Amino acid sequence: MGHVISCIGLTGDFRARPLDTAEAHVGITARCLASLRCASFLYLSSTRVYARAATTHEDAPLACAPADPSDLYNLTKLAGEALCLADRRAGIRVVRLSNAYGSPPGGGTFLGQVMAAGRDSGQVVFRQAPESEKDYISAADVVRLLPAIALRGKHRIYNLAAGCNVSHRDIAATLSTTLGWRAEFLPNAPAVRFVPIDIARLAEAFDPPSTDFLSELAKVAFGQEVPCWSSTKLKDG
């Protein structure tokens, strides 16, 4: 099969489809590892697995709460990771991917909903507090770095993220300044903060993500094409 990147997964609807989530993240991964002959196999996990962690280094111990429906995604992704790491073949690796955005962003994502509301009405209402924050990485950086990790990665796990968080407050201010949209926050909205992702391992071996998220918001909002790596075909050497 050459070089395989396993991108399958459930995101927004995983709570309503727990068995499908387990099949996508664990069952299919197990069958691929058992049956495929490949030069490399790269499993896309998620930085969501750090939700209960004190640190986001790739080797940090991770906690989960099986009774919490939100942790089903994390647990099944970690099970898929464990299957990959138990396989002793050198070319099998895991990437924990942050919040990747393209142009236009997916409709089921936070960013996609914000952009759709702004395009329709010129007004965005945030349902989380201004100090809420996430790490965003562009599709261009993801497409550039995944093949590099698959072909030249020296570690079994890499975080693939921007390495710095962007607050909802900064997003709102940028949309107001660059597009003239009116941004409001619901009163007493919850603050949702993701722990900043450690990308030291990634930056040590590869050119780290370079795209500035806030500077791209206007382009993302109106669906202009994001330039990606010139070729997605993997080549040895």
Protein backbone atom coordinates (compact mmCIF):
# COMPACT_ATOMS: atom_id res chain seq x y z
CA MET A 1 0.00 0.00 0.00
CA GLY A 2 2.99 2.37 0.08
CA HIS A 3 2.53 5.20 2.59
CA VAL A 4 -0.82 5.28 4.40
CA ILE A 5 -2.31 8.20 6.34
CA SER A 6 -5.38 7.18 8.32
CA CYS A 7 -7.62 10.25 8.60
CA ILE A 8 -10.92 8.53 9.38
CA GLY A 9 -12.89 9.68 12.41
CA LEU A 10 -16.08 11.10 13.84
CA THR A 11 -16.06 14.59 15.31
CA GLY A 12 -19.22 16.59 16.02
CA ASP A 13 -21.58 13.61 16.10
CA PHE A 14 -19.49 11.16 18.12
CA ARG A 15 -21.73 11.42 21.21
CA ALA A 16 -24.78 10.28 19.22
CA ARG A 17 -22.89 7.50 17.42
CA PRO A 18 -20.69 5.79 20.02
CA LEU A 19 -20.43 2.44 18.24
CA ASP A 20 -19.57 4.07 14.91
CA THR A 21 -16.95 6.15 16.74
CA ALA A 22 -15.33 3.05 18.19
CA GLU A 23 -15.39 1.35 14.79
CA ALA A 24 -13.82 4.35 13.04
CA HIS A 25 -11.10 5.03 15.60
CA VAL A 26 -10.32 1.50 16.77
CA GLY A 27 -11.92 -1.26 14.66
CA ILE A 28 -10.80 -0.06 11.25
CA THR A 29 -7.37 0.81 12.62
CA ALA A 30 -6.96 -2.71 13.99
CA ARG A 31 -7.91 -4.28 10.66
CA CYS A 32 -5.56 -1.99 8.74
CA LEU A 33 -2.64 -2.86 10.99
CA ALA A 34 -3.45 -6.56 10.72
CA SER A 35 -3.86 -6.73 6.96
CA LEU A 36 -2.01 -3.92 5.20
CA ARG A 37 1.54 -4.20 3.98
CA CYS A 38 2.76 -0.62 3.83
CA ALA A 39 5.96 1.41 3.90
CA SER A 40 4.50 3.64 6.64
CA PHE A 41 1.23 4.09 8.51
CA LEU A 42 0.37 7.44 10.08
CA TYR A 43 -2.64 7.52 12.42
CA LEU A 44 -4.35 10.86 12.94
CA SER A 45 -5.35 11.29 16.55
CA SER A 46 -6.26 14.59 18.21
CA THR A 47 -4.91 17.09 20.71
CA ARG A 48 -8.28 16.70 22.43
CA VAL A 49 -6.69 13.79 24.29
CA TYR A 50 -4.93 16.42 26.47
CA ALA A 51 -8.26 17.70 27.83
CA ARG A 52 -7.53 16.45 31.37
CA ALA A 53 -3.73 16.58 31.22
CA ALA A 54 -1.43 18.91 33.13
CA THR A 55 1.08 19.07 30.27
CA THR A 56 0.85 18.51 26.52
CA HIS A 57 4.19 16.86 25.81
CA GLU A 58 3.72 13.74 23.69
CA ASP A 59 4.96 11.44 26.49
CA ALA A 60 2.73 12.91 29.21
CA PRO A 61 0.35 10.53 31.02
CA LEU A 62 -3.26 11.17 30.02
CA ALA A 63 -6.42 10.94 32.10
CA CYS A 64 -9.94 10.16 30.90
CA ALA A 65 -13.36 9.76 32.53
CA PRO A 66 -15.24 6.87 30.86
CA ALA A 67 -18.57 8.01 32.31
CA ASP A 68 -18.28 11.42 30.64
CA PRO A 69 -19.81 11.25 27.13
CA SER A 70 -17.34 13.88 25.93
CA ASP A 71 -14.45 11.54 26.72
CA LEU A 72 -15.66 8.81 24.36
CA TYR A 73 -13.82 10.54 21.52
CA ASN A 74 -10.60 10.78 23.51
CA LEU A 75 -10.74 7.20 24.77
CA THR A 76 -11.30 5.70 21.34
CA LYS A 77 -8.58 7.84 19.77
CA LEU A 78 -6.20 6.74 22.52
CA ALA A 79 -7.15 3.12 21.90
CA GLY A 80 -6.28 3.59 18.24
CA GLU A 81 -2.99 5.16 19.27
CA ALA A 82 -2.25 2.23 21.58
CA LEU A 83 -2.77 -0.25 18.74
CA CYS A 84 -0.32 1.68 16.56
CA LEU A 85 2.29 2.00 19.30
CA ALA A 86 2.02 -1.70 20.15
CA ASP A 87 3.00 -2.52 16.56
CA ARG A 88 6.81 -2.74 16.43
CA ARG A 89 7.15 -1.78 12.78
CA ALA A 90 9.30 1.35 12.61
CA GLY A 91 7.13 3.20 10.09
CA ILE A 92 3.98 3.28 12.22
CA ARG A 93 3.42 6.65 13.89
CA VAL A 94 0.76 8.81 15.51
CA VAL A 95 0.01 12.50 14.95
CA ARG A 96 -2.13 14.38 17.47
CA LEU A 97 -3.74 17.03 15.31
CA SER A 98 -5.05 20.35 16.62
CA ASN A 99 -8.05 22.33 15.30
CA ALA A 100 -7.34 22.35 11.59
CA TYR A 101 -9.09 24.96 9.47
CA GLY A 102 -9.50 25.29 5.74
CA SER A 103 -11.36 27.62 3.46
CA PRO A 104 -14.26 27.43 3.93
CA PRO A 105 -14.25 25.75 7.35
CA GLY A 106 -16.55 22.79 8.00
CA GLY A 107 -20.12 23.73 8.83
CA GLY A 108 -20.22 21.55 11.94
CA THR A 109 -17.23 23.26 13.56
CA PHE A 110 -17.13 26.27 15.84
CA LEU A 111 -15.28 28.30 13.24
CA GLY A 112 -17.62 27.21 10.45
CA GLN A 113 -20.69 28.29 12.43
CA VAL A 114 -19.13 31.68 13.23
CA MET A 115 -18.28 32.33 9.59
CA ALA A 116 -21.69 31.23 8.30
CA ALA A 117 -23.49 33.54 10.73
CA GLY A 118 -21.28 36.47 9.77
CA ARG A 119 -21.75 35.95 6.04
CA ASP A 120 -25.53 35.69 6.43
CA SER A 121 -26.16 38.66 8.71
CA GLY A 122 -22.94 40.55 9.37
CA GLN A 123 -23.34 39.66 13.02
CA VAL A 124 -21.79 36.89 15.13
CA VAL A 125 -22.98 35.84 18.58
CA PHE A 126 -20.41 33.84 20.56
CA ARG A 127 -21.85 31.29 22.97
CA GLN A 128 -18.59 30.98 24.87
CA ALA A 129 -16.83 33.65 26.91
CA PRO A 130 -14.33 36.05 25.30
CA GLU A 131 -11.42 34.45 27.17
CA SER A 132 -12.16 31.05 25.64
CA GLU A 133 -9.25 29.94 23.49
CA LYS A 134 -8.05 27.21 21.12
CA ASP A 135 -5.06 26.31 18.98
CA TYR A 136 -5.72 26.60 15.21
CA ILE A 137 -3.54 25.17 12.45
CA SER A 138 -4.08 25.75 8.73
CA ALA A 139 -4.81 23.00 6.24
CA ALA A 140 -1.77 24.21 4.29
CA ASP A 141 0.54 23.48 7.23
CA VAL A 142 -1.16 20.13 7.91
CA VAL A 143 -0.79 18.97 4.31
CA ARG A 144 2.85 20.06 4.27
CA LEU A 145 3.83 18.41 7.55
CA LEU A 146 1.96 15.11 7.50
CA PRO A 147 4.05 13.63 4.64
CA ALA A 148 7.24 14.92 6.26
CA ILE A 149 6.38 13.16 9.53
CA ALA A 150 5.37 9.98 7.71
CA LEU A 151 8.64 9.82 5.79
CA ARG A 152 11.19 11.31 8.17
CA GLY A 153 9.76 11.20 11.67
CA LYS A 154 12.16 9.83 14.30
CA HIS A 155 9.55 9.60 17.07
CA ARG A 156 6.41 7.51 17.31
CA ILE A 157 4.12 10.43 18.33
CA TYR A 158 4.06 14.07 17.21
CA ASN A 159 1.81 16.98 18.15
CA LEU A 160 0.77 18.88 15.03
CA ALA A 161 -0.44 22.29 16.14
CA ALA A 162 0.35 25.99 15.93
CA GLY A 163 1.71 25.93 19.46
CA CYS A 164 -0.18 29.01 20.64
CA ASN A 165 -3.82 29.65 21.45
CA VAL A 166 -6.10 32.30 19.97
CA SER A 167 -8.91 33.71 22.10
CA HIS A 168 -12.50 34.25 21.03
CA ARG A 169 -11.96 37.91 21.97
CA ASP A 170 -9.19 38.22 19.38
CA ILE A 171 -11.29 36.48 16.74
CA ALA A 172 -14.21 38.83 17.40
CA ALA A 173 -11.96 41.90 17.24
CA THR A 174 -10.37 40.76 13.97
CA LEU A 175 -13.74 40.03 12.34
CA SER A 176 -14.97 43.47 13.39
CA THR A 177 -11.85 45.27 12.15
CA THR A 178 -11.30 43.45 8.87
CA LEU A 179 -14.87 42.61 7.81
CA GLY A 180 -17.00 45.08 9.71
CA TRP A 181 -19.01 42.33 11.37
CA ARG A 182 -20.67 43.01 14.71
CA ALA A 183 -19.55 40.52 17.37
CA GLU A 184 -21.36 39.89 20.66
CA PHE A 185 -20.92 37.45 23.53
CA LEU A 186 -23.78 35.87 25.43
CA PRO A 187 -23.80 37.02 29.06
CA ASN A 188 -22.47 34.49 31.57
CA ALA A 189 -21.25 32.26 28.74
CA PRO A 190 -18.79 29.55 29.83
CA ALA A 191 -15.07 29.96 29.29
CA VAL A 192 -13.59 27.01 27.39
CA ARG A 193 -9.80 27.01 27.39
CA PHE A 194 -7.57 24.41 25.80
CA VAL A 195 -4.11 23.88 27.25
CA PRO A 196 -1.42 25.27 24.88
CA ILE A 197 0.06 22.46 22.80
CA ASP A 198 3.75 21.64 23.09
CA ILE A 199 5.28 21.54 19.59
CA ALA A 200 8.95 21.39 20.61
CA ARG A 201 9.36 17.89 19.17
CA LEU A 202 7.81 18.95 15.86
CA ALA A 203 9.87 22.14 15.61
CA GLU A 204 13.10 20.30 16.37
CA ALA A 205 12.89 18.18 13.23
CA PHE A 206 10.66 20.10 10.79
CA ASP A 207 9.78 23.65 9.80
CA PRO A 208 6.99 24.41 12.28
CA PRO A 209 3.59 25.79 11.27
CA SER A 210 3.99 29.31 9.93
CA THR A 211 0.51 30.48 8.95
CA ASP A 212 -0.94 33.26 11.11
CA PHE A 213 -4.54 32.36 11.88
CA LEU A 214 -5.91 35.84 12.56
CA SER A 215 -4.42 37.27 9.36
CA GLU A 216 -6.26 34.59 7.36
CA LEU A 217 -9.72 35.05 8.88
CA ALA A 218 -11.11 37.19 6.06
CA LYS A 219 -9.95 34.66 3.48
CA VAL A 220 -11.37 31.79 5.51
CA ALA A 221 -14.70 33.58 5.95
CA PHE A 222 -15.41 33.84 2.24
CA GLY A 223 -14.05 30.52 1.10
CA GLN A 224 -11.01 31.59 -0.85
CA GLU A 225 -8.69 28.73 -1.61
CA VAL A 226 -5.90 28.11 0.89
CA PRO A 227 -2.63 27.27 -0.91
CA CYS A 228 -1.39 23.83 0.03
CA TRP A 229 1.75 21.83 -0.55
CA SER A 230 2.48 21.46 -4.27
CA SER A 231 1.96 17.71 -4.21
CA THR A 232 0.28 15.32 -1.81
CA LYS A 233 1.97 12.32 -3.39
CA LEU A 234 4.48 10.79 -1.01
CA LYS A 235 7.91 10.01 -2.37
CA ASP A 236 10.77 8.23 -0.62
CA GLY A 237 14.04 10.11 -0.20
